[in-house]
């Protein structure tokens, strides 16, 4: 039970105090609303939920790693910069994959709804 409370505490921290997590969560909510609006199917929901969840999870990890790096080495260090850059890259890769999934899922439905 303590682990669940710690996890929820981390989610709450990210959602209330970390701008990047807030942005990713907002994008996820907009995506969910778009999925409801367009009436996507079960398989499409699976991909949307997994992609959005992965992006938010990786963003939480990125934020945790950045905070840990800043705590352990508050000064400028090229090794810490590399660690932060790699962590940020993981968010970008997850975000680009989610964007690609979103394009595949939503673009045909948007085109069908508004152009045909």
PDB file of N, CA and C in Angstrom:
ATOM      1  N   UNK A   1       0.820  -1.188   0.000  1.00  0.00           N
ATOM      2  CA  UNK A   1       0.000   0.000   0.000  1.00  0.00           C
ATOM      3  C   UNK A   1       0.868   1.257   0.000  1.00  0.00           C
ATOM      4  N   UNK A   2       1.969   1.212   0.736  1.00  0.00           N
ATOM      5  CA  UNK A   2       2.861   2.374   0.791  1.00  0.00           C
ATOM      6  C   UNK A   2       3.433   2.710  -0.590  1.00  0.00           C
ATOM      7  N   UNK A   3       3.701   1.673  -1.372  1.00  0.00           N
ATOM      8  CA  UNK A   3       4.252   1.902  -2.713  1.00  0.00           C
ATOM      9  C   UNK A   3       3.235   2.591  -3.615  1.00  0.00           C
ATOM     10  N   UNK A   4       1.962   2.203  -3.478  1.00  0.00           N
ATOM     11  CA  UNK A   4       0.924   2.867  -4.268  1.00  0.00           C
ATOM     12  C   UNK A   4       0.789   4.330  -3.855  1.00  0.00           C
ATOM     13  N   UNK A   5       0.848   4.576  -2.546  1.00  0.00           N
ATOM     14  CA  UNK A   5       0.754   5.957  -2.068  1.00  0.00           C
ATOM     15  C   UNK A   5       1.933   6.782  -2.565  1.00  0.00           C
ATOM     16  N   UNK A   6       3.122   6.182  -2.563  1.00  0.00           N
ATOM     17  CA  UNK A   6       4.302   6.888  -3.072  1.00  0.00           C
ATOM     18  C   UNK A   6       4.145   7.175  -4.562  1.00  0.00           C
ATOM     19  N   UNK A   7       3.618   6.209  -5.303  1.00  0.00           N
ATOM     20  CA  UNK A   7       3.407   6.399  -6.743  1.00  0.00           C
ATOM     21  C   UNK A   7       2.399   7.516  -7.000  1.00  0.00           C
ATOM     22  N   UNK A   8       1.288   7.500  -6.282  1.00  0.00           N
ATOM     23  CA  UNK A   8       0.292   8.551  -6.455  1.00  0.00           C
ATOM     24  C   UNK A   8       0.831   9.906  -6.024  1.00  0.00           C
ATOM     25  N   UNK A   9       1.674   9.909  -5.010  1.00  0.00           N
ATOM     26  CA  UNK A   9       2.322  11.150  -4.592  1.00  0.00           C
ATOM     27  C   UNK A   9       3.215  11.698  -5.705  1.00  0.00           C
ATOM     28  N   UNK A  10       3.936  10.811  -6.381  1.00  0.00           N
ATOM     29  CA  UNK A  10       4.775  11.227  -7.499  1.00  0.00           C
ATOM     30  C   UNK A  10       3.958  11.759  -8.662  1.00  0.00           C
ATOM     31  N   UNK A  11       2.855  11.099  -8.956  1.00  0.00           N
ATOM     32  CA  UNK A  11       1.975  11.576 -10.021  1.00  0.00           C
ATOM     33  C   UNK A  11       1.422  12.953  -9.656  1.00  0.00           C
ATOM     34  N   UNK A  12       0.969  13.092  -8.419  1.00  0.00           N
ATOM     35  CA  UNK A  12       0.424  14.381  -7.972  1.00  0.00           C
ATOM     36  C   UNK A  12       1.485  15.478  -8.042  1.00  0.00           C
ATOM     37  N   UNK A  13       2.698  15.148  -7.626  1.00  0.00           N
ATOM     38  CA  UNK A  13       3.788  16.125  -7.704  1.00  0.00           C
ATOM     39  C   UNK A  13       4.010  16.552  -9.152  1.00  0.00           C
ATOM     40  N   UNK A  14       4.102  15.573 -10.046  1.00  0.00           N
ATOM     41  CA  UNK A  14       4.331  15.888 -11.452  1.00  0.00           C
ATOM     42  C   UNK A  14       3.224  16.740 -12.038  1.00  0.00           C
ATOM     43  N   UNK A  15       1.981  16.403 -11.709  1.00  0.00           N
ATOM     44  CA  UNK A  15       0.842  17.130 -12.272  1.00  0.00           C
ATOM     45  C   UNK A  15       0.671  18.534 -11.689  1.00  0.00           C
ATOM     46  N   UNK A  16       1.156  18.744 -10.474  1.00  0.00           N
ATOM     47  CA  UNK A  16       0.968  20.053  -9.844  1.00  0.00           C
ATOM     48  C   UNK A  16       2.195  20.949  -9.891  1.00  0.00           C
ATOM     49  N   UNK A  17       3.385  20.359 -10.072  1.00  0.00           N
ATOM     50  CA  UNK A  17       4.605  21.174  -9.956  1.00  0.00           C
ATOM     51  C   UNK A  17       5.565  21.091 -11.124  1.00  0.00           C
ATOM     52  N   UNK A  18       5.305  20.221 -12.069  1.00  0.00           N
ATOM     53  CA  UNK A  18       6.250  20.056 -13.168  1.00  0.00           C
ATOM     54  C   UNK A  18       5.578  20.428 -14.487  1.00  0.00           C
ATOM     55  N   UNK A  19       6.037  21.517 -15.076  1.00  0.00           N
ATOM     56  CA  UNK A  19       5.408  22.060 -16.279  1.00  0.00           C
ATOM     57  C   UNK A  19       5.408  21.049 -17.428  1.00  0.00           C
ATOM     58  N   UNK A  20       6.491  20.329 -17.615  1.00  0.00           N
ATOM     59  CA  UNK A  20       6.568  19.367 -18.710  1.00  0.00           C
ATOM     60  C   UNK A  20       5.557  18.244 -18.535  1.00  0.00           C
ATOM     61  N   UNK A  21       5.414  17.749 -17.329  1.00  0.00           N
ATOM     62  CA  UNK A  21       4.425  16.699 -17.052  1.00  0.00           C
ATOM     63  C   UNK A  21       3.023  17.255 -17.286  1.00  0.00           C
ATOM     64  N   UNK A  22       2.782  18.474 -16.845  1.00  0.00           N
ATOM     65  CA  UNK A  22       1.476  19.096 -17.047  1.00  0.00           C
ATOM     66  C   UNK A  22       1.146  19.212 -18.538  1.00  0.00           C
ATOM     67  N   UNK A  23       2.117  19.617 -19.327  1.00  0.00           N
ATOM     68  CA  UNK A  23       1.899  19.762 -20.775  1.00  0.00           C
ATOM     69  C   UNK A  23       1.581  18.407 -21.398  1.00  0.00           C
ATOM     70  N   UNK A  24       2.365  17.388 -21.055  1.00  0.00           N
ATOM     71  CA  UNK A  24       2.129  16.058 -21.632  1.00  0.00           C
ATOM     72  C   UNK A  24       0.768  15.504 -21.201  1.00  0.00           C
ATOM     73  N   UNK A  25       0.396  15.724 -19.947  1.00  0.00           N
ATOM     74  CA  UNK A  25      -0.907  15.250 -19.459  1.00  0.00           C
ATOM     75  C   UNK A  25      -2.038  15.989 -20.177  1.00  0.00           C
ATOM     76  N   UNK A  26      -1.850  17.265 -20.416  1.00  0.00           N
ATOM     77  CA  UNK A  26      -2.853  18.058 -21.147  1.00  0.00           C
ATOM     78  C   UNK A  26      -3.020  17.548 -22.576  1.00  0.00           C
ATOM     79  N   UNK A  27      -1.907  17.273 -23.232  1.00  0.00           N
ATOM     80  CA  UNK A  27      -1.965  16.722 -24.591  1.00  0.00           C
ATOM     81  C   UNK A  27      -2.689  15.373 -24.578  1.00  0.00           C
ATOM     82  N   UNK A  28      -2.417  14.555 -23.558  1.00  0.00           N
ATOM     83  CA  UNK A  28      -3.101  13.257 -23.444  1.00  0.00           C
ATOM     84  C   UNK A  28      -4.602  13.455 -23.299  1.00  0.00           C
ATOM     85  N   UNK A  29      -5.029  14.400 -22.469  1.00  0.00           N
ATOM     86  CA  UNK A  29      -6.466  14.641 -22.284  1.00  0.00           C
ATOM     87  C   UNK A  29      -7.126  15.137 -23.570  1.00  0.00           C
ATOM     88  N   UNK A  30      -6.435  16.006 -24.295  1.00  0.00           N
ATOM     89  CA  UNK A  30      -6.956  16.482 -25.579  1.00  0.00           C
ATOM     90  C   UNK A  30      -7.086  15.311 -26.557  1.00  0.00           C
ATOM     91  N   UNK A  31      -6.090  14.447 -26.543  1.00  0.00           N
ATOM     92  CA  UNK A  31      -6.125  13.268 -27.413  1.00  0.00           C
ATOM     93  C   UNK A  31      -7.291  12.356 -27.049  1.00  0.00           C
ATOM     94  N   UNK A  32      -7.527  12.171 -25.751  1.00  0.00           N
ATOM     95  CA  UNK A  32      -8.655  11.345 -25.319  1.00  0.00           C
ATOM     96  C   UNK A  32      -9.979  11.963 -25.775  1.00  0.00           C
ATOM     97  N   UNK A  33     -10.086  13.282 -25.632  1.00  0.00           N
ATOM     98  CA  UNK A  33     -11.306  13.968 -26.071  1.00  0.00           C
ATOM     99  C   UNK A  33     -11.509  13.801 -27.580  1.00  0.00           C
ATOM    100  N   UNK A  34     -10.417  13.905 -28.338  1.00  0.00           N
ATOM    101  CA  UNK A  34     -10.507  13.725 -29.780  1.00  0.00           C
ATOM    102  C   UNK A  34     -10.940  12.295 -30.119  1.00  0.00           C
ATOM    103  N   UNK A  35     -10.417  11.333 -29.375  1.00  0.00           N
ATOM    104  CA  UNK A  35     -10.813   9.941 -29.582  1.00  0.00           C
ATOM    105  C   UNK A  35     -12.292   9.724 -29.333  1.00  0.00           C
ATOM    106  N   UNK A  36     -12.819  10.355 -28.292  1.00  0.00           N
ATOM    107  CA  UNK A  36     -14.255  10.256 -28.001  1.00  0.00           C
ATOM    108  C   UNK A  36     -15.048  10.933 -29.113  1.00  0.00           C
ATOM    109  N   UNK A  37     -14.617  12.123 -29.510  1.00  0.00           N
ATOM    110  CA  UNK A  37     -15.310  12.883 -30.559  1.00  0.00           C
ATOM    111  C   UNK A  37     -15.368  12.113 -31.871  1.00  0.00           C
ATOM    112  N   UNK A  38     -14.271  11.461 -32.219  1.00  0.00           N
ATOM    113  CA  UNK A  38     -14.203  10.745 -33.490  1.00  0.00           C
ATOM    114  C   UNK A  38     -14.710   9.307 -33.401  1.00  0.00           C
ATOM    115  N   UNK A  39     -14.984   8.844 -32.202  1.00  0.00           N
ATOM    116  CA  UNK A  39     -15.506   7.495 -32.019  1.00  0.00           C
ATOM    117  C   UNK A  39     -14.526   6.413 -32.458  1.00  0.00           C
ATOM    118  N   UNK A  40     -13.287   6.525 -32.017  1.00  0.00           N
ATOM    119  CA  UNK A  40     -12.296   5.524 -32.415  1.00  0.00           C
ATOM    120  C   UNK A  40     -12.647   4.165 -31.804  1.00  0.00           C
ATOM    121  N   UNK A  41     -12.157   3.109 -32.447  1.00  0.00           N
ATOM    122  CA  UNK A  41     -12.464   1.737 -32.028  1.00  0.00           C
ATOM    123  C   UNK A  41     -11.596   1.262 -30.873  1.00  0.00           C
ATOM    124  N   UNK A  42     -11.896   0.051 -30.405  1.00  0.00           N
ATOM    125  CA  UNK A  42     -11.190  -0.523 -29.262  1.00  0.00           C
ATOM    126  C   UNK A  42      -9.689  -0.676 -29.518  1.00  0.00           C
ATOM    127  N   UNK A  43      -9.334  -1.188 -30.667  1.00  0.00           N
ATOM    128  CA  UNK A  43      -7.909  -1.368 -30.977  1.00  0.00           C
ATOM    129  C   UNK A  43      -7.205  -0.015 -31.044  1.00  0.00           C
ATOM    130  N   UNK A  44      -7.883   0.969 -31.609  1.00  0.00           N
ATOM    131  CA  UNK A  44      -7.285   2.309 -31.672  1.00  0.00           C
ATOM    132  C   UNK A  44      -7.124   2.904 -30.276  1.00  0.00           C
ATOM    133  N   UNK A  45      -8.121   2.682 -29.419  1.00  0.00           N
ATOM    134  CA  UNK A  45      -8.005   3.147 -28.033  1.00  0.00           C
ATOM    135  C   UNK A  45      -6.800   2.519 -27.338  1.00  0.00           C
ATOM    136  N   UNK A  46      -6.561   1.254 -27.625  1.00  0.00           N
ATOM    137  CA  UNK A  46      -5.415   0.574 -27.034  1.00  0.00           C
ATOM    138  C   UNK A  46      -4.122   1.321 -27.365  1.00  0.00           C
ATOM    139  N   UNK A  47      -3.942   1.648 -28.639  1.00  0.00           N
ATOM    140  CA  UNK A  47      -2.735   2.362 -29.047  1.00  0.00           C
ATOM    141  C   UNK A  47      -2.685   3.769 -28.463  1.00  0.00           C
ATOM    142  N   UNK A  48      -3.804   4.463 -28.449  1.00  0.00           N
ATOM    143  CA  UNK A  48      -3.836   5.827 -27.901  1.00  0.00           C
ATOM    144  C   UNK A  48      -3.488   5.808 -26.419  1.00  0.00           C
ATOM    145  N   UNK A  49      -4.105   4.895 -25.674  1.00  0.00           N
ATOM    146  CA  UNK A  49      -3.850   4.826 -24.235  1.00  0.00           C
ATOM    147  C   UNK A  49      -2.410   4.428 -23.930  1.00  0.00           C
ATOM    148  N   UNK A  50      -1.896   3.444 -24.664  1.00  0.00           N
ATOM    149  CA  UNK A  50      -0.504   3.026 -24.438  1.00  0.00           C
ATOM    150  C   UNK A  50       0.478   4.136 -24.807  1.00  0.00           C
ATOM    151  N   UNK A  51       0.233   4.809 -25.917  1.00  0.00           N
ATOM    152  CA  UNK A  51       1.140   5.871 -26.347  1.00  0.00           C
ATOM    153  C   UNK A  51       1.114   7.039 -25.365  1.00  0.00           C
ATOM    154  N   UNK A  52      -0.077   7.482 -24.985  1.00  0.00           N
ATOM    155  CA  UNK A  52      -0.190   8.600 -24.049  1.00  0.00           C
ATOM    156  C   UNK A  52       0.403   8.235 -22.692  1.00  0.00           C
ATOM    157  N   UNK A  53       0.101   7.031 -22.222  1.00  0.00           N
ATOM    158  CA  UNK A  53       0.657   6.584 -20.946  1.00  0.00           C
ATOM    159  C   UNK A  53       2.170   6.502 -20.976  1.00  0.00           C
ATOM    160  N   UNK A  54       2.715   6.030 -22.087  1.00  0.00           N
ATOM    161  CA  UNK A  54       4.177   5.932 -22.218  1.00  0.00           C
ATOM    162  C   UNK A  54       4.821   7.314 -22.188  1.00  0.00           C
ATOM    163  N   UNK A  55       4.233   8.262 -22.886  1.00  0.00           N
ATOM    164  CA  UNK A  55       4.811   9.608 -22.927  1.00  0.00           C
ATOM    165  C   UNK A  55       4.795  10.232 -21.530  1.00  0.00           C
ATOM    166  N   UNK A  56       3.672  10.148 -20.842  1.00  0.00           N
ATOM    167  CA  UNK A  56       3.594  10.732 -19.499  1.00  0.00           C
ATOM    168  C   UNK A  56       4.551  10.008 -18.550  1.00  0.00           C
ATOM    169  N   UNK A  57       4.635   8.690 -18.648  1.00  0.00           N
ATOM    170  CA  UNK A  57       5.542   7.923 -17.783  1.00  0.00           C
ATOM    171  C   UNK A  57       6.994   8.294 -18.036  1.00  0.00           C
ATOM    172  N   UNK A  58       7.371   8.409 -19.302  1.00  0.00           N
ATOM    173  CA  UNK A  58       8.760   8.769 -19.625  1.00  0.00           C
ATOM    174  C   UNK A  58       9.046  10.203 -19.180  1.00  0.00           C
ATOM    175  N   UNK A  59       8.059  11.087 -19.293  1.00  0.00           N
ATOM    176  CA  UNK A  59       8.244  12.465 -18.823  1.00  0.00           C
ATOM    177  C   UNK A  59       8.433  12.503 -17.309  1.00  0.00           C
ATOM    178  N   UNK A  60       7.685  11.686 -16.584  1.00  0.00           N
ATOM    179  CA  UNK A  60       7.876  11.600 -15.126  1.00  0.00           C
ATOM    180  C   UNK A  60       9.284  11.112 -14.790  1.00  0.00           C
ATOM    181  N   UNK A  61       9.746  10.086 -15.507  1.00  0.00           N
ATOM    182  CA  UNK A  61      11.115   9.590 -15.295  1.00  0.00           C
ATOM    183  C   UNK A  61      12.156  10.650 -15.626  1.00  0.00           C
ATOM    184  N   UNK A  62      11.944  11.358 -16.724  1.00  0.00           N
ATOM    185  CA  UNK A  62      12.858  12.422 -17.119  1.00  0.00           C
ATOM    186  C   UNK A  62      12.931  13.487 -16.024  1.00  0.00           C
ATOM    187  N   UNK A  63      11.792  13.882 -15.506  1.00  0.00           N
ATOM    188  CA  UNK A  63      11.765  14.906 -14.462  1.00  0.00           C
ATOM    189  C   UNK A  63      12.459  14.421 -13.196  1.00  0.00           C
ATOM    190  N   UNK A  64      12.229  13.160 -12.842  1.00  0.00           N
ATOM    191  CA  UNK A  64      12.889  12.604 -11.654  1.00  0.00           C
ATOM    192  C   UNK A  64      14.401  12.570 -11.832  1.00  0.00           C
ATOM    193  N   UNK A  65      14.850  12.158 -13.014  1.00  0.00           N
ATOM    194  CA  UNK A  65      16.285  12.085 -13.276  1.00  0.00           C
ATOM    195  C   UNK A  65      16.921  13.470 -13.256  1.00  0.00           C
ATOM    196  N   UNK A  66      16.235  14.454 -13.811  1.00  0.00           N
ATOM    197  CA  UNK A  66      16.748  15.823 -13.791  1.00  0.00           C
ATOM    198  C   UNK A  66      16.869  16.339 -12.360  1.00  0.00           C
ATOM    199  N   UNK A  67      15.845  16.082 -11.536  1.00  0.00           N
ATOM    200  CA  UNK A  67      15.890  16.521 -10.137  1.00  0.00           C
ATOM    201  C   UNK A  67      17.021  15.830  -9.385  1.00  0.00           C
ATOM    202  N   UNK A  68      17.199  14.540  -9.621  1.00  0.00           N
ATOM    203  CA  UNK A  68      18.280  13.805  -8.968  1.00  0.00           C
ATOM    204  C   UNK A  68      19.639  14.345  -9.406  1.00  0.00           C
ATOM    205  N   UNK A  69      19.810  14.584 -10.690  1.00  0.00           N
ATOM    206  CA  UNK A  69      21.077  15.103 -11.204  1.00  0.00           C
ATOM    207  C   UNK A  69      21.373  16.483 -10.621  1.00  0.00           C
ATOM    208  N   UNK A  70      20.364  17.335 -10.551  1.00  0.00           N
ATOM    209  CA  UNK A  70      20.559  18.675  -9.984  1.00  0.00           C
ATOM    210  C   UNK A  70      20.911  18.600  -8.503  1.00  0.00           C
ATOM    211  N   UNK A  71      20.317  17.649  -7.800  1.00  0.00           N
ATOM    212  CA  UNK A  71      20.600  17.483  -6.375  1.00  0.00           C
ATOM    213  C   UNK A  71      22.030  16.970  -6.148  1.00  0.00           C
ATOM    214  N   UNK A  72      22.426  15.988  -6.939  1.00  0.00           N
ATOM    215  CA  UNK A  72      23.746  15.389  -6.756  1.00  0.00           C
ATOM    216  C   UNK A  72      24.878  16.285  -7.246  1.00  0.00           C
ATOM    217  N   UNK A  73      24.580  17.073  -8.274  1.00  0.00           N
ATOM    218  CA  UNK A  73      25.628  17.929  -8.843  1.00  0.00           C
ATOM    219  C   UNK A  73      24.991  19.240  -9.318  1.00  0.00           C
ATOM    220  N   UNK A  74      24.823  20.194  -8.372  1.00  0.00           N
ATOM    221  CA  UNK A  74      24.125  21.430  -8.716  1.00  0.00           C
ATOM    222  C   UNK A  74      24.878  22.314  -9.729  1.00  0.00           C
ATOM    223  N   UNK A  75      26.149  22.135  -9.847  1.00  0.00           N
ATOM    224  CA  UNK A  75      26.936  22.940 -10.781  1.00  0.00           C
ATOM    225  C   UNK A  75      26.837  22.430 -12.204  1.00  0.00           C
ATOM    226  N   UNK A  76      27.549  23.109 -13.082  1.00  0.00           N
ATOM    227  CA  UNK A  76      27.579  22.707 -14.489  1.00  0.00           C
ATOM    228  C   UNK A  76      28.620  21.610 -14.662  1.00  0.00           C
ATOM    229  N   UNK A  77      28.200  20.519 -15.285  1.00  0.00           N
ATOM    230  CA  UNK A  77      29.092  19.399 -15.521  1.00  0.00           C
ATOM    231  C   UNK A  77      28.688  18.766 -16.851  1.00  0.00           C
ATOM    232  N   UNK A  78      29.643  18.573 -17.765  1.00  0.00           N
ATOM    233  CA  UNK A  78      29.280  17.993 -19.065  1.00  0.00           C
ATOM    234  C   UNK A  78      28.695  16.589 -18.961  1.00  0.00           C
ATOM    235  N   UNK A  79      29.086  15.824 -17.949  1.00  0.00           N
ATOM    236  CA  UNK A  79      28.524  14.479 -17.784  1.00  0.00           C
ATOM    237  C   UNK A  79      27.053  14.550 -17.387  1.00  0.00           C
ATOM    238  N   UNK A  80      26.723  15.484 -16.499  1.00  0.00           N
ATOM    239  CA  UNK A  80      25.332  15.669 -16.095  1.00  0.00           C
ATOM    240  C   UNK A  80      24.509  16.160 -17.292  1.00  0.00           C
ATOM    241  N   UNK A  81      25.090  17.049 -18.092  1.00  0.00           N
ATOM    242  CA  UNK A  81      24.402  17.542 -19.286  1.00  0.00           C
ATOM    243  C   UNK A  81      24.078  16.390 -20.224  1.00  0.00           C
ATOM    244  N   UNK A  82      25.027  15.487 -20.409  1.00  0.00           N
ATOM    245  CA  UNK A  82      24.801  14.330 -21.275  1.00  0.00           C
ATOM    246  C   UNK A  82      23.668  13.461 -20.735  1.00  0.00           C
ATOM    247  N   UNK A  83      23.660  13.233 -19.435  1.00  0.00           N
ATOM    248  CA  UNK A  83      22.602  12.436 -18.807  1.00  0.00           C
ATOM    249  C   UNK A  83      21.247  13.103 -19.024  1.00  0.00           C
ATOM    250  N   UNK A  84      21.180  14.415 -18.810  1.00  0.00           N
ATOM    251  CA  UNK A  84      19.918  15.136 -19.002  1.00  0.00           C
ATOM    252  C   UNK A  84      19.499  15.129 -20.472  1.00  0.00           C
ATOM    253  N   UNK A  85      20.453  15.276 -21.366  1.00  0.00           N
ATOM    254  CA  UNK A  85      20.137  15.249 -22.800  1.00  0.00           C
ATOM    255  C   UNK A  85      19.585  13.890 -23.214  1.00  0.00           C
ATOM    256  N   UNK A  86      20.190  12.821 -22.725  1.00  0.00           N
ATOM    257  CA  UNK A  86      19.708  11.474 -23.040  1.00  0.00           C
ATOM    258  C   UNK A  86      18.307  11.261 -22.477  1.00  0.00           C
ATOM    259  N   UNK A  87      18.076  11.746 -21.282  1.00  0.00           N
ATOM    260  CA  UNK A  87      16.758  11.613 -20.670  1.00  0.00           C
ATOM    261  C   UNK A  87      15.711  12.400 -21.462  1.00  0.00           C
ATOM    262  N   UNK A  88      16.061  13.606 -21.865  1.00  0.00           N
ATOM    263  CA  UNK A  88      15.141  14.410 -22.682  1.00  0.00           C
ATOM    264  C   UNK A  88      14.898  13.746 -24.033  1.00  0.00           C
ATOM    265  N   UNK A  89      15.923  13.117 -24.581  1.00  0.00           N
ATOM    266  CA  UNK A  89      15.771  12.418 -25.862  1.00  0.00           C
ATOM    267  C   UNK A  89      14.763  11.281 -25.743  1.00  0.00           C
ATOM    268  N   UNK A  90      14.728  10.622 -24.593  1.00  0.00           N
ATOM    269  CA  UNK A  90      13.764   9.533 -24.422  1.00  0.00           C
ATOM    270  C   UNK A  90      12.334  10.065 -24.479  1.00  0.00           C
ATOM    271  N   UNK A  91      12.112  11.248 -23.938  1.00  0.00           N
ATOM    272  CA  UNK A  91      10.782  11.861 -24.015  1.00  0.00           C
ATOM    273  C   UNK A  91      10.452  12.196 -25.469  1.00  0.00           C
ATOM    274  N   UNK A  92      11.440  12.718 -26.187  1.00  0.00           N
ATOM    275  CA  UNK A  92      11.206  13.072 -27.585  1.00  0.00           C
ATOM    276  C   UNK A  92      10.864  11.833 -28.409  1.00  0.00           C
ATOM    277  N   UNK A  93      11.599  10.756 -28.212  1.00  0.00           N
ATOM    278  CA  UNK A  93      11.340   9.525 -28.970  1.00  0.00           C
ATOM    279  C   UNK A  93       9.934   9.007 -28.668  1.00  0.00           C
ATOM    280  N   UNK A  94       9.558   8.973 -27.398  1.00  0.00           N
ATOM    281  CA  UNK A  94       8.215   8.512 -27.031  1.00  0.00           C
ATOM    282  C   UNK A  94       7.146   9.440 -27.612  1.00  0.00           C
ATOM    283  N   UNK A  95       7.410  10.739 -27.570  1.00  0.00           N
ATOM    284  CA  UNK A  95       6.448  11.716 -28.094  1.00  0.00           C
ATOM    285  C   UNK A  95       6.291  11.588 -29.606  1.00  0.00           C
ATOM    286  N   UNK A  96       7.393  11.393 -30.316  1.00  0.00           N
ATOM    287  CA  UNK A  96       7.319  11.236 -31.772  1.00  0.00           C
ATOM    288  C   UNK A  96       6.600   9.946 -32.163  1.00  0.00           C
ATOM    289  N   UNK A  97       6.831   8.890 -31.408  1.00  0.00           N
ATOM    290  CA  UNK A  97       6.123   7.637 -31.668  1.00  0.00           C
ATOM    291  C   UNK A  97       4.622   7.812 -31.413  1.00  0.00           C
ATOM    292  N   UNK A  98       4.276   8.524 -30.331  1.00  0.00           N
ATOM    293  CA  UNK A  98       2.865   8.788 -30.035  1.00  0.00           C
ATOM    294  C   UNK A  98       2.242   9.676 -31.113  1.00  0.00           C
ATOM    295  N   UNK A  99       3.003  10.646 -31.584  1.00  0.00           N
ATOM    296  CA  UNK A  99       2.514  11.507 -32.662  1.00  0.00           C
ATOM    297  C   UNK A  99       2.243  10.691 -33.927  1.00  0.00           C
ATOM    298  N   UNK A 100       3.159   9.795 -34.260  1.00  0.00           N
ATOM    299  CA  UNK A 100       2.977   8.945 -35.436  1.00  0.00           C
ATOM    300  C   UNK A 100       1.722   8.084 -35.287  1.00  0.00           C
ATOM    301  N   UNK A 101       1.532   7.503 -34.112  1.00  0.00           N
ATOM    302  CA  UNK A 101       0.329   6.705 -33.867  1.00  0.00           C
ATOM    303  C   UNK A 101      -0.920   7.573 -33.991  1.00  0.00           C
ATOM    304  N   UNK A 102      -0.840   8.786 -33.452  1.00  0.00           N
ATOM    305  CA  UNK A 102      -1.969   9.706 -33.537  1.00  0.00           C
ATOM    306  C   UNK A 102      -2.307  10.074 -34.970  1.00  0.00           C
ATOM    307  N   UNK A 103      -1.284  10.288 -35.779  1.00  0.00           N
ATOM    308  CA  UNK A 103      -1.518  10.619 -37.188  1.00  0.00           C
ATOM    309  C   UNK A 103      -2.193   9.449 -37.900  1.00  0.00           C
ATOM    310  N   UNK A 104      -1.683   8.250 -37.662  1.00  0.00           N
ATOM    311  CA  UNK A 104      -2.253   7.059 -38.312  1.00  0.00           C
ATOM    312  C   UNK A 104      -3.712   6.850 -37.879  1.00  0.00           C
ATOM    313  N   UNK A 105      -3.992   7.085 -36.615  1.00  0.00           N
ATOM    314  CA  UNK A 105      -5.338   6.835 -36.096  1.00  0.00           C
ATOM    315  C   UNK A 105      -6.298   7.978 -36.424  1.00  0.00           C
ATOM    316  N   UNK A 106      -5.870   9.206 -36.196  1.00  0.00           N
ATOM    317  CA  UNK A 106      -6.797  10.332 -36.263  1.00  0.00           C
ATOM    318  C   UNK A 106      -6.913  10.992 -37.635  1.00  0.00           C
ATOM    319  N   UNK A 107      -5.847  11.034 -38.388  1.00  0.00           N
ATOM    320  CA  UNK A 107      -5.893  11.768 -39.654  1.00  0.00           C
ATOM    321  C   UNK A 107      -6.960  11.227 -40.616  1.00  0.00           C
ATOM    322  N   UNK A 108      -7.034   9.923 -40.837  1.00  0.00           N
ATOM    323  CA  UNK A 108      -8.099   9.427 -41.736  1.00  0.00           C
ATOM    324  C   UNK A 108      -9.501   9.740 -41.222  1.00  0.00           C
ATOM    325  N   UNK A 109      -9.684   9.656 -39.909  1.00  0.00           N
ATOM    326  CA  UNK A 109     -11.001   9.934 -39.334  1.00  0.00           C
ATOM    327  C   UNK A 109     -11.348  11.421 -39.442  1.00  0.00           C
ATOM    328  N   UNK A 110     -10.363  12.279 -39.238  1.00  0.00           N
ATOM    329  CA  UNK A 110     -10.596  13.721 -39.394  1.00  0.00           C
ATOM    330  C   UNK A 110     -10.903  14.055 -40.852  1.00  0.00           C
ATOM    331  N   UNK A 111     -10.142  13.457 -41.753  1.00  0.00           N
ATOM    332  CA  UNK A 111     -10.375  13.701 -43.186  1.00  0.00           C
ATOM    333  C   UNK A 111     -11.763  13.229 -43.593  1.00  0.00           C
ATOM    334  N   UNK A 112     -12.148  12.073 -43.116  1.00  0.00           N
ATOM    335  CA  UNK A 112     -13.475  11.518 -43.422  1.00  0.00           C
ATOM    336  C   UNK A 112     -14.585  12.418 -42.882  1.00  0.00           C
ATOM    337  N   UNK A 113     -14.389  12.916 -41.696  1.00  0.00           N
ATOM    338  CA  UNK A 113     -15.424  13.721 -41.042  1.00  0.00           C
ATOM    339  C   UNK A 113     -15.567  15.102 -41.680  1.00  0.00           C
ATOM    340  N   UNK A 114     -14.447  15.718 -42.061  1.00  0.00           N
ATOM    341  CA  UNK A 114     -14.496  17.104 -42.504  1.00  0.00           C
ATOM    342  C   UNK A 114     -14.330  17.317 -44.010  1.00  0.00           C
ATOM    343  N   UNK A 115     -13.870  16.325 -44.733  1.00  0.00           N
ATOM    344  CA  UNK A 115     -13.589  16.548 -46.156  1.00  0.00           C
ATOM    345  C   UNK A 115     -14.336  15.615 -47.094  1.00  0.00           C
ATOM    346  N   UNK A 116     -15.043  14.617 -46.580  1.00  0.00           N
ATOM    347  CA  UNK A 116     -15.747  13.686 -47.463  1.00  0.00           C
ATOM    348  C   UNK A 116     -17.215  13.653 -47.155  1.00  0.00           C
TER     349      UNK A 116
END
